[in-house]
């Protein structure tokens, strides 16, 4: 009788406790705060320090980020229209000037990584207009919102944890973690996991700075493509570009841009 009573009590406790548990994801902001609290505990348990965790203090669910995620118009237009909007004469001319301004740096990077300077400057131009338009959104708010959202929760949980690791390692402060709506960082818009895995300290100052240091920005971009299988001397249209951006329109536009700055 006693065993039955205990079993019944245990079952009741499990049933009543279940609603209080944080949901693994959600399609509205209703359970976001509870979910974020659980994520912070996971991050702390994995070794993330208090300073880095403080980046999540006050972070709220962003409906704007969800709207942007659901409404990516640029990939719905034709290839010709995409190229016209991205590979503009003004942008191409500025790219040619950048190639001259940083000629020795581009030559050094191409020699080391095997990625043509035209491809690197094309990416630099198309991603942020050479660092001018990096984005001003709080990366932690964006990534936390997308990590909680059910559409790509696992992917963005990894990105959120990677962003915390960037701060934990001292590469950037929480206040410096500003970027695009999907959490991309720096002058060539690295996701946080790519920042961790492919960013390089090319100027030797002890930091991997993809926001302010041109040498690190360009070398890290080349390193990424090199590690993704870029073939030295293989032309501008290579499979490694699929790893940079899954959109075939974007891949074609990068190659077209590179041809126009030759």
Protein backbone atom coordinates (compact mmCIF):
# COMPACT_ATOMS: atom_id res chain seq x y z
CA UNK A 1 0.00 0.00 0.00
CA UNK A 2 2.81 2.37 0.93
CA UNK A 3 4.67 1.66 -2.33
CA UNK A 4 1.52 2.33 -4.34
CA UNK A 5 0.97 5.59 -2.48
CA UNK A 6 4.55 6.73 -3.14
CA UNK A 7 4.30 5.76 -6.78
CA UNK A 8 1.06 7.67 -7.17
CA UNK A 9 2.59 10.70 -5.45
CA UNK A 10 5.64 10.54 -7.71
CA UNK A 11 3.45 10.36 -10.81
CA UNK A 12 1.44 13.35 -9.60
CA UNK A 13 4.61 15.38 -9.02
CA UNK A 14 5.91 14.58 -12.52
CA UNK A 15 2.61 15.58 -14.09
CA UNK A 16 2.37 18.83 -12.17
CA UNK A 17 6.06 19.72 -12.69
CA UNK A 18 6.00 19.21 -16.45
CA UNK A 19 4.31 22.52 -17.35
CA UNK A 20 6.94 24.42 -15.34
CA UNK A 21 9.83 23.02 -17.37
CA UNK A 22 11.29 25.34 -19.99
CA UNK A 23 10.27 24.51 -23.55
CA UNK A 24 13.11 23.52 -25.89
CA UNK A 25 11.86 26.10 -28.41
CA UNK A 26 8.85 28.28 -29.14
CA UNK A 27 7.12 30.16 -31.93
CA UNK A 28 6.31 33.21 -29.85
CA UNK A 29 8.03 35.07 -27.07
CA UNK A 30 5.82 33.57 -24.35
CA UNK A 31 8.39 31.16 -22.89
CA UNK A 32 11.54 32.98 -23.93
CA UNK A 33 12.68 34.25 -20.53
CA UNK A 34 12.43 30.81 -18.94
CA UNK A 35 14.22 29.23 -21.90
CA UNK A 36 17.03 31.81 -21.71
CA UNK A 37 17.49 31.14 -18.02
CA UNK A 38 17.93 27.46 -18.78
CA UNK A 39 20.39 28.22 -21.56
CA UNK A 40 22.50 30.40 -19.25
CA UNK A 41 22.75 27.51 -16.81
CA UNK A 42 23.89 25.20 -19.63
CA UNK A 43 26.49 27.75 -20.74
CA UNK A 44 27.82 28.16 -17.20
CA UNK A 45 28.03 24.40 -16.80
CA UNK A 46 30.08 24.21 -20.01
CA UNK A 47 32.67 26.64 -18.61
CA UNK A 48 31.48 30.06 -19.82
CA UNK A 49 32.49 32.68 -17.25
CA UNK A 50 30.40 35.36 -15.58
CA UNK A 51 31.72 38.20 -17.74
CA UNK A 52 30.63 36.47 -20.93
CA UNK A 53 27.31 35.36 -19.43
CA UNK A 54 26.58 38.98 -18.53
CA UNK A 55 26.07 39.54 -22.27
CA UNK A 56 22.74 37.73 -21.90
CA UNK A 57 21.51 39.95 -19.05
CA UNK A 58 18.44 41.88 -20.15
CA UNK A 59 18.22 40.13 -23.52
CA UNK A 60 14.64 40.02 -24.77
CA UNK A 61 12.81 38.24 -27.58
CA UNK A 62 12.96 40.17 -30.86
CA UNK A 63 9.92 40.05 -33.14
CA UNK A 64 11.89 42.14 -35.64
CA UNK A 65 14.47 39.37 -36.02
CA UNK A 66 11.73 36.80 -36.62
CA UNK A 67 10.12 39.03 -39.27
CA UNK A 68 13.46 39.42 -41.04
CA UNK A 69 14.10 35.69 -40.88
CA UNK A 70 10.75 34.94 -42.51
CA UNK A 71 11.04 37.62 -45.20
CA UNK A 72 14.40 37.27 -46.98
CA UNK A 73 13.41 38.91 -50.28
CA UNK A 74 16.89 39.15 -51.80
CA UNK A 75 16.95 35.47 -52.72
CA UNK A 76 13.52 35.57 -54.40
CA UNK A 77 14.59 37.86 -57.24
CA UNK A 78 16.20 36.81 -60.52
CA UNK A 79 19.93 36.22 -60.89
CA UNK A 80 20.25 39.25 -63.16
CA UNK A 81 18.44 41.49 -60.68
CA UNK A 82 20.56 40.16 -57.82
CA UNK A 83 23.79 40.91 -59.69
CA UNK A 84 22.54 44.37 -60.69
CA UNK A 85 21.82 45.23 -57.07
CA UNK A 86 25.04 43.81 -55.61
CA UNK A 87 27.67 44.26 -58.33
CA UNK A 88 27.22 47.98 -58.88
CA UNK A 89 29.70 50.19 -60.79
CA UNK A 90 30.37 52.28 -57.71
CA UNK A 91 31.10 49.23 -55.57
CA UNK A 92 33.37 47.75 -58.24
CA UNK A 93 35.31 51.02 -58.52
CA UNK A 94 35.76 51.17 -54.74
CA UNK A 95 36.96 47.57 -54.79
CA UNK A 96 39.63 48.43 -57.37
CA UNK A 97 40.83 51.25 -55.13
CA UNK A 98 40.97 48.89 -52.14
CA UNK A 99 43.09 46.45 -54.16
CA UNK A 100 45.58 49.22 -54.86
CA UNK A 101 45.48 50.61 -51.33
CA UNK A 102 46.20 47.20 -49.77
CA UNK A 103 48.19 45.67 -52.62
CA UNK A 104 50.97 44.20 -50.46
CA UNK A 105 48.49 42.77 -47.96
CA UNK A 106 46.37 41.14 -50.66
CA UNK A 107 49.48 39.68 -52.31
CA UNK A 108 50.67 38.23 -49.00
CA UNK A 109 47.29 36.68 -48.24
CA UNK A 110 46.91 35.21 -51.73
CA UNK A 111 50.38 33.70 -51.51
CA UNK A 112 49.63 32.07 -48.15
CA UNK A 113 46.08 30.85 -48.70
CA UNK A 114 45.80 30.55 -52.49
CA UNK A 115 42.57 32.54 -52.70
CA UNK A 116 42.59 35.28 -55.38
CA UNK A 117 42.51 38.86 -54.18
CA UNK A 118 39.56 39.50 -56.50
CA UNK A 119 37.42 36.97 -54.63
CA UNK A 120 38.37 38.37 -51.23
CA UNK A 121 37.64 41.97 -52.21
CA UNK A 122 34.36 40.89 -53.83
CA UNK A 123 33.20 39.31 -50.57
CA UNK A 124 34.38 42.34 -48.58
CA UNK A 125 32.41 44.62 -50.89
CA UNK A 126 29.22 42.58 -51.07
CA UNK A 127 28.99 41.76 -47.39
CA UNK A 128 29.44 45.19 -45.80
CA UNK A 129 30.70 47.72 -48.38
CA UNK A 130 34.22 47.30 -46.99
CA UNK A 131 33.16 47.41 -43.36
CA UNK A 132 30.82 50.39 -43.56
CA UNK A 133 27.56 48.47 -43.09
CA UNK A 134 28.37 45.75 -40.55
CA UNK A 135 25.02 45.98 -38.79
CA UNK A 136 24.17 47.52 -35.43
CA UNK A 137 21.95 44.88 -33.87
CA UNK A 138 22.76 43.21 -30.56
CA UNK A 139 24.17 39.86 -31.68
CA UNK A 140 23.15 38.15 -28.44
CA UNK A 141 19.55 39.27 -28.75
CA UNK A 142 19.41 38.12 -32.37
CA UNK A 143 21.02 34.75 -31.71
CA UNK A 144 19.00 34.08 -28.56
CA UNK A 145 15.77 34.83 -30.41
CA UNK A 146 16.69 32.52 -33.29
CA UNK A 147 17.95 29.83 -30.92
CA UNK A 148 14.60 29.85 -29.12
CA UNK A 149 12.62 29.92 -32.39
CA UNK A 150 11.72 26.39 -33.50
CA UNK A 151 12.64 26.82 -37.18
CA UNK A 152 16.43 26.40 -36.77
CA UNK A 153 16.82 26.11 -33.03
CA UNK A 154 19.75 23.66 -32.87
CA UNK A 155 21.79 25.63 -35.42
CA UNK A 156 21.41 28.93 -33.59
CA UNK A 157 21.93 27.44 -30.12
CA UNK A 158 25.39 26.51 -31.35
CA UNK A 159 25.91 30.03 -32.71
CA UNK A 160 24.78 31.58 -29.42
CA UNK A 161 27.17 29.39 -27.46
CA UNK A 162 29.96 30.29 -29.91
CA UNK A 163 29.25 34.00 -29.45
CA UNK A 164 29.60 33.57 -25.69
CA UNK A 165 32.93 31.81 -26.23
CA UNK A 166 34.22 34.77 -28.27
CA UNK A 167 33.61 37.05 -25.28
CA UNK A 168 34.85 34.43 -22.82
CA UNK A 169 38.18 34.22 -24.69
CA UNK A 170 38.55 38.00 -24.63
CA UNK A 171 38.44 38.49 -28.39
CA UNK A 172 35.56 40.97 -28.13
CA UNK A 173 33.59 42.64 -25.35
CA UNK A 174 29.81 42.20 -25.06
CA UNK A 175 29.31 45.79 -26.23
CA UNK A 176 31.35 45.13 -29.38
CA UNK A 177 29.11 42.23 -30.39
CA UNK A 178 27.01 44.18 -32.86
CA UNK A 179 26.13 42.89 -36.29
CA UNK A 180 23.45 41.81 -38.73
CA UNK A 181 20.01 40.50 -37.79
CA UNK A 182 21.09 36.83 -37.99
CA UNK A 183 24.12 37.39 -35.76
CA UNK A 184 26.83 37.81 -38.40
CA UNK A 185 29.90 39.69 -37.18
CA UNK A 186 32.63 41.82 -38.68
CA UNK A 187 33.52 43.24 -42.06
CA UNK A 188 32.89 40.01 -43.95
CA UNK A 189 30.04 38.85 -41.71
CA UNK A 190 31.27 35.69 -40.00
CA UNK A 191 28.85 33.65 -37.97
CA UNK A 192 30.14 33.16 -34.44
CA UNK A 193 31.12 29.51 -34.99
CA UNK A 194 33.11 30.48 -38.09
CA UNK A 195 34.76 33.28 -36.10
CA UNK A 196 35.93 30.71 -33.55
CA UNK A 197 37.15 28.21 -36.13
CA UNK A 198 38.59 30.33 -38.95
CA UNK A 199 39.49 33.82 -37.69
CA UNK A 200 43.24 34.50 -37.71
CA UNK A 201 45.48 37.11 -36.11
CA UNK A 202 47.25 38.16 -39.30
CA UNK A 203 48.84 41.37 -38.00
CA UNK A 204 50.25 39.63 -34.93
CA UNK A 205 48.77 41.89 -32.26
CA UNK A 206 47.43 38.98 -30.23
CA UNK A 207 43.77 39.46 -31.18
CA UNK A 208 41.54 38.06 -33.90
CA UNK A 209 39.71 41.26 -34.77
CA UNK A 210 37.26 40.98 -37.66
CA UNK A 211 35.66 44.32 -36.86
CA UNK A 212 38.52 46.85 -36.95
CA UNK A 213 41.66 45.14 -38.29
CA UNK A 214 41.77 44.92 -42.08
CA UNK A 215 44.58 42.35 -42.13
CA UNK A 216 42.64 39.99 -39.85
CA UNK A 217 39.43 40.50 -41.83
CA UNK A 218 40.91 39.67 -45.23
CA UNK A 219 43.18 36.86 -44.06
CA UNK A 220 40.38 35.21 -42.08
CA UNK A 221 38.12 35.29 -45.14
CA UNK A 222 40.85 33.67 -47.23
CA UNK A 223 41.55 31.13 -44.49
CA UNK A 224 37.88 30.15 -44.38
CA UNK A 225 37.74 29.50 -48.14
CA UNK A 226 41.08 27.71 -48.08
CA UNK A 227 39.88 25.39 -45.30
CA UNK A 228 36.66 24.76 -47.22
CA UNK A 229 38.59 23.42 -50.22
CA UNK A 230 39.52 26.40 -52.38
CA UNK A 231 41.89 25.21 -55.13
CA UNK A 232 44.83 27.51 -55.90
CA UNK A 233 44.67 28.54 -59.55
CA UNK A 234 41.24 26.98 -60.04
CA UNK A 235 39.44 30.12 -61.22
CA UNK A 236 36.71 32.16 -59.57
CA UNK A 237 33.81 29.68 -59.75
CA UNK A 238 34.63 27.09 -57.12
CA UNK A 239 32.64 24.78 -54.85
CA UNK A 240 34.14 26.43 -51.76
CA UNK A 241 31.87 29.42 -52.39
CA UNK A 242 28.90 27.20 -51.52
CA UNK A 243 30.34 27.00 -48.02
CA UNK A 244 30.50 30.78 -47.82
CA UNK A 245 26.87 31.23 -48.87
CA UNK A 246 24.38 28.51 -49.78
CA UNK A 247 22.60 30.73 -52.29
CA UNK A 248 23.65 29.97 -55.88
CA UNK A 249 22.75 33.57 -56.77
CA UNK A 250 25.22 34.86 -54.23
CA UNK A 251 27.94 32.49 -55.44
CA UNK A 252 27.50 33.60 -59.04
CA UNK A 253 27.48 37.27 -58.01
CA UNK A 254 30.80 36.89 -56.15
CA UNK A 255 32.42 35.34 -59.23
CA UNK A 256 30.99 38.07 -61.50
CA UNK A 257 32.26 40.75 -59.13
CA UNK A 258 35.72 39.17 -59.10
CA UNK A 259 35.83 39.19 -62.90
CA UNK A 260 34.92 42.87 -63.03
CA UNK A 261 37.72 43.97 -60.71
CA UNK A 262 40.47 42.08 -62.56
